Amino acid sequence: MAFGGGVEGQSPGTGVWAMTDLGLELILFAGDDAPGADGADWRSALALTHNGPQSGDVAFQGILEIDNDPDSGVWSRSGGALGVCIRQGFPAAGTPGHPHSTFFSHTVQNTSGDVAMRGFTLTGGMVSRSGIWRLSDGVVDLVAYSDQTAAGTNGGVFSQFSRLPLMNASGDVTFGGRL
């Protein structure tokens, strides 16, 4: 079990907790340093996913505070280590240099610690494209991207993806999409 919540009397006072073999454990709290974020502090965390009873592993979208400007990304904790998967502005794997923009309202994590997520990139100006990415063994790979040819469709291309990818214990990702 994992959850995000607020603490009365503290501002902003939001955090993420997970149940481990040792009991309820605080994973992050607003104002703490965020790993992989160049000294930025947590503002909040959204869209939690937890991969099993009392493992303490969790993946989530986090919002950072950088010079009073919000920044977002996806972090995961697997085997007790919290780390960044993808962050806003980072180059998006499998694209021709497109940076990640807003994202990842939904993430999933399997029992092996792999993470799948849906997000968006900027392709020039304010044009946005969506995709599905997977983090496995520390490497982020593109699963599918808008305007990419969809396998088995005789040349059809993806136009958008459903909100939540699914992933099994082997790291195979499934998702809904529209051509």
Foldseek 3Di string as FASTA:
>chain_A
DKDWDADPPDVVRIFIWDAAPVGIDTPFTFQDAAAPPVRWTWRYWAAKEDEDPRQRKIKTKTWTQDVNDIWIFIWIAHPRDIHTQFTAQCQDAPDPRWGFHDDFNHKYAYPQGKIKTKGWTDDPDRDIKIFIWIADPNDIHTDFIFPDADPPPVRDGFHDWDRYWDAYNVGDIDTDTDD
